[in-house]
C-alpha atoms as a PDB file:
ATOM      1  CA  MET A   1      38.389 109.931 163.921  1.00  0.00           C
ATOM      2  CA  VAL A   2      35.853 112.726 164.056  1.00  0.00           C
ATOM      3  CA  THR A   3      38.016 114.948 161.859  1.00  0.00           C
ATOM      4  CA  ILE A   4      38.221 112.233 159.204  1.00  0.00           C
ATOM      5  CA  LYS A   5      34.429 111.956 159.165  1.00  0.00           C
ATOM      6  CA  VAL A   6      34.080 115.720 158.870  1.00  0.00           C
ATOM      7  CA  ALA A   7      36.638 115.834 156.049  1.00  0.00           C
ATOM      8  CA  VAL A   8      34.844 113.016 154.212  1.00  0.00           C
ATOM      9  CA  TYR A   9      31.517 114.780 154.728  1.00  0.00           C
ATOM     10  CA  TYR A  10      32.752 118.022 153.168  1.00  0.00           C
ATOM     11  CA  PHE A  11      34.594 116.208 150.378  1.00  0.00           C
ATOM     12  CA  VAL A  12      31.425 114.312 149.467  1.00  0.00           C
ATOM     13  CA  ARG A  13      29.401 117.525 149.544  1.00  0.00           C
ATOM     14  CA  VAL A  14      31.837 119.291 147.213  1.00  0.00           C
ATOM     15  CA  ILE A  15      31.987 116.373 144.772  1.00  0.00           C
ATOM     16  CA  ASN A  16      28.194 116.083 144.756  1.00  0.00           C
ATOM     17  CA  MET A  17      27.828 119.794 144.040  1.00  0.00           C
ATOM     18  CA  LEU A  18      30.382 119.601 141.231  1.00  0.00           C
ATOM     19  CA  ILE A  19      28.586 116.652 139.633  1.00  0.00           C
ATOM     20  CA  LEU A  20      25.264 118.471 139.876  1.00  0.00           C
ATOM     21  CA  ALA A  21      26.870 121.590 138.405  1.00  0.00           C
ATOM     22  CA  ARG A  22      28.173 119.515 135.514  1.00  0.00           C
ATOM     23  CA  VAL A  23      24.694 118.115 134.858  1.00  0.00           C
ATOM     24  CA  LEU A  24      23.249 121.627 134.808  1.00  0.00           C
ATOM     25  CA  MET A  25      26.094 122.822 132.591  1.00  0.00           C
ATOM     26  CA  SER A  26      25.320 120.090 130.078  1.00  0.00           C
ATOM     27  CA  TRP A  27      21.875 121.618 129.671  1.00  0.00           C
ATOM     28  CA  PHE A  28      22.835 125.295 129.531  1.00  0.00           C
ATOM     29  CA  VAL A  29      26.552 125.884 128.887  1.00  0.00           C
ATOM     30  CA  LYS A  30      27.682 125.211 125.354  1.00  0.00           C
ATOM     31  CA  ASP A  31      31.157 126.765 125.591  1.00  0.00           C
ATOM     32  CA  LEU A  32      33.381 124.407 127.586  1.00  0.00           C
ATOM     33  CA  ARG A  33      36.377 126.721 127.134  1.00  0.00           C
ATOM     34  CA  ASN A  34      35.110 128.721 130.086  1.00  0.00           C
ATOM     35  CA  PRO A  35      37.664 128.281 132.928  1.00  0.00           C
ATOM     36  CA  ILE A  36      34.974 127.352 135.451  1.00  0.00           C
ATOM     37  CA  ALA A  37      33.414 124.815 133.071  1.00  0.00           C
ATOM     38  CA  MET A  38      36.841 123.352 132.325  1.00  0.00           C
ATOM     39  CA  PHE A  39      37.602 123.052 136.059  1.00  0.00           C
ATOM     40  CA  ILE A  40      34.313 121.275 136.776  1.00  0.00           C
ATOM     41  CA  TYR A  41      34.822 118.972 133.796  1.00  0.00           C
ATOM     42  CA  GLN A  42      38.395 118.100 134.854  1.00  0.00           C
ATOM     43  CA  ILE A  43      37.326 117.315 138.431  1.00  0.00           C
ATOM     44  CA  THR A  44      34.257 115.235 137.578  1.00  0.00           C
ATOM     45  CA  GLU A  45      35.406 113.377 134.455  1.00  0.00           C
ATOM     46  CA  PRO A  46      37.714 110.942 136.338  1.00  0.00           C
ATOM     47  CA  ILE A  47      34.692 109.967 138.440  1.00  0.00           C
ATOM     48  CA  LEU A  48      32.096 109.811 135.672  1.00  0.00           C
ATOM     49  CA  SER A  49      34.133 108.261 132.861  1.00  0.00           C
ATOM     50  CA  PRO A  50      34.684 104.799 134.449  1.00  0.00           C
ATOM     51  CA  ILE A  51      31.028 104.654 135.464  1.00  0.00           C
ATOM     52  CA  ARG A  52      29.972 105.645 131.932  1.00  0.00           C
ATOM     53  CA  ASP A  53      32.193 102.900 130.486  1.00  0.00           C
ATOM     54  CA  LEU A  54      30.764 100.321 132.898  1.00  0.00           C
ATOM     55  CA  LEU A  55      27.199 101.303 132.009  1.00  0.00           C
ATOM     56  CA  LYS A  56      27.997 100.932 128.305  1.00  0.00           C
ATOM     57  CA  LYS A  57      29.378  97.427 128.936  1.00  0.00           C
ATOM     58  CA  LEU A  58      26.207  96.551 130.821  1.00  0.00           C
ATOM     59  CA  GLY A  59      24.109  97.833 127.919  1.00  0.00           C
ATOM     60  CA  ILE A  60      22.580 100.647 129.940  1.00  0.00           C
ATOM     61  CA  GLY A  61      24.636 103.570 128.669  1.00  0.00           C
ATOM     62  CA  GLY A  62      25.412 104.913 125.253  1.00  0.00           C
ATOM     63  CA  THR A  63      22.014 106.471 124.742  1.00  0.00           C
ATOM     64  CA  MET A  64      21.072 110.131 124.653  1.00  0.00           C
ATOM     65  CA  LEU A  65      20.663 110.102 128.429  1.00  0.00           C
ATOM     66  CA  ASP A  66      23.788 109.820 130.542  1.00  0.00           C
ATOM     67  CA  PHE A  67      23.018 107.939 133.749  1.00  0.00           C
ATOM     68  CA  SER A  68      26.587 108.101 135.044  1.00  0.00           C
ATOM     69  CA  PRO A  69      25.991 111.179 137.265  1.00  0.00           C
ATOM     70  CA  ILE A  70      23.094 109.435 139.013  1.00  0.00           C
ATOM     71  CA  VAL A  71      25.126 106.286 139.560  1.00  0.00           C
ATOM     72  CA  ALA A  72      28.113 108.336 140.729  1.00  0.00           C
ATOM     73  CA  LEU A  73      26.027 110.260 143.265  1.00  0.00           C
ATOM     74  CA  LEU A  74      24.534 107.043 144.627  1.00  0.00           C
ATOM     75  CA  LEU A  75      27.912 105.309 144.750  1.00  0.00           C
ATOM     76  CA  ILE A  76      29.587 108.245 146.494  1.00  0.00           C
ATOM     77  CA  GLN A  77      26.777 108.405 149.053  1.00  0.00           C
ATOM     78  CA  PHE A  78      27.046 104.659 149.673  1.00  0.00           C
ATOM     79  CA  ILE A  79      30.813 104.782 150.199  1.00  0.00           C
ATOM     80  CA  ALA A  80      30.484 107.856 152.417  1.00  0.00           C
ATOM     81  CA  SER A  81      27.835 106.164 154.560  1.00  0.00           C
ATOM     82  CA  ILE A  82      30.176 103.221 155.102  1.00  0.00           C
ATOM     83  CA  ILE A  83      32.938 105.605 156.193  1.00  0.00           C
ATOM     84  CA  TYR A  84      30.554 107.552 158.461  1.00  0.00           C
ATOM     85  CA  ASN A  85      29.521 104.359 160.250  1.00  0.00           C
ATOM     86  CA  LEU A  86      33.053 103.198 161.036  1.00  0.00           C
END
């Protein structure tokens, strides 16, 4: 059970770092053909896209600010905390 918690911990850390990297890339990197940028985009888009769609349905998204990374980070932390406490 301890190894599952450790694996979840590191998985959450990596996903969080990738989401934060994507946020920073959106401010600075304009060429998404870069292999590193493409990798980060491909890993994080399946997480962020459904959240972005849900926020648009709720009337929160669709503006110039994308709140999906914030929601994703909070949601991932919430799910991880549930798994940690099992």
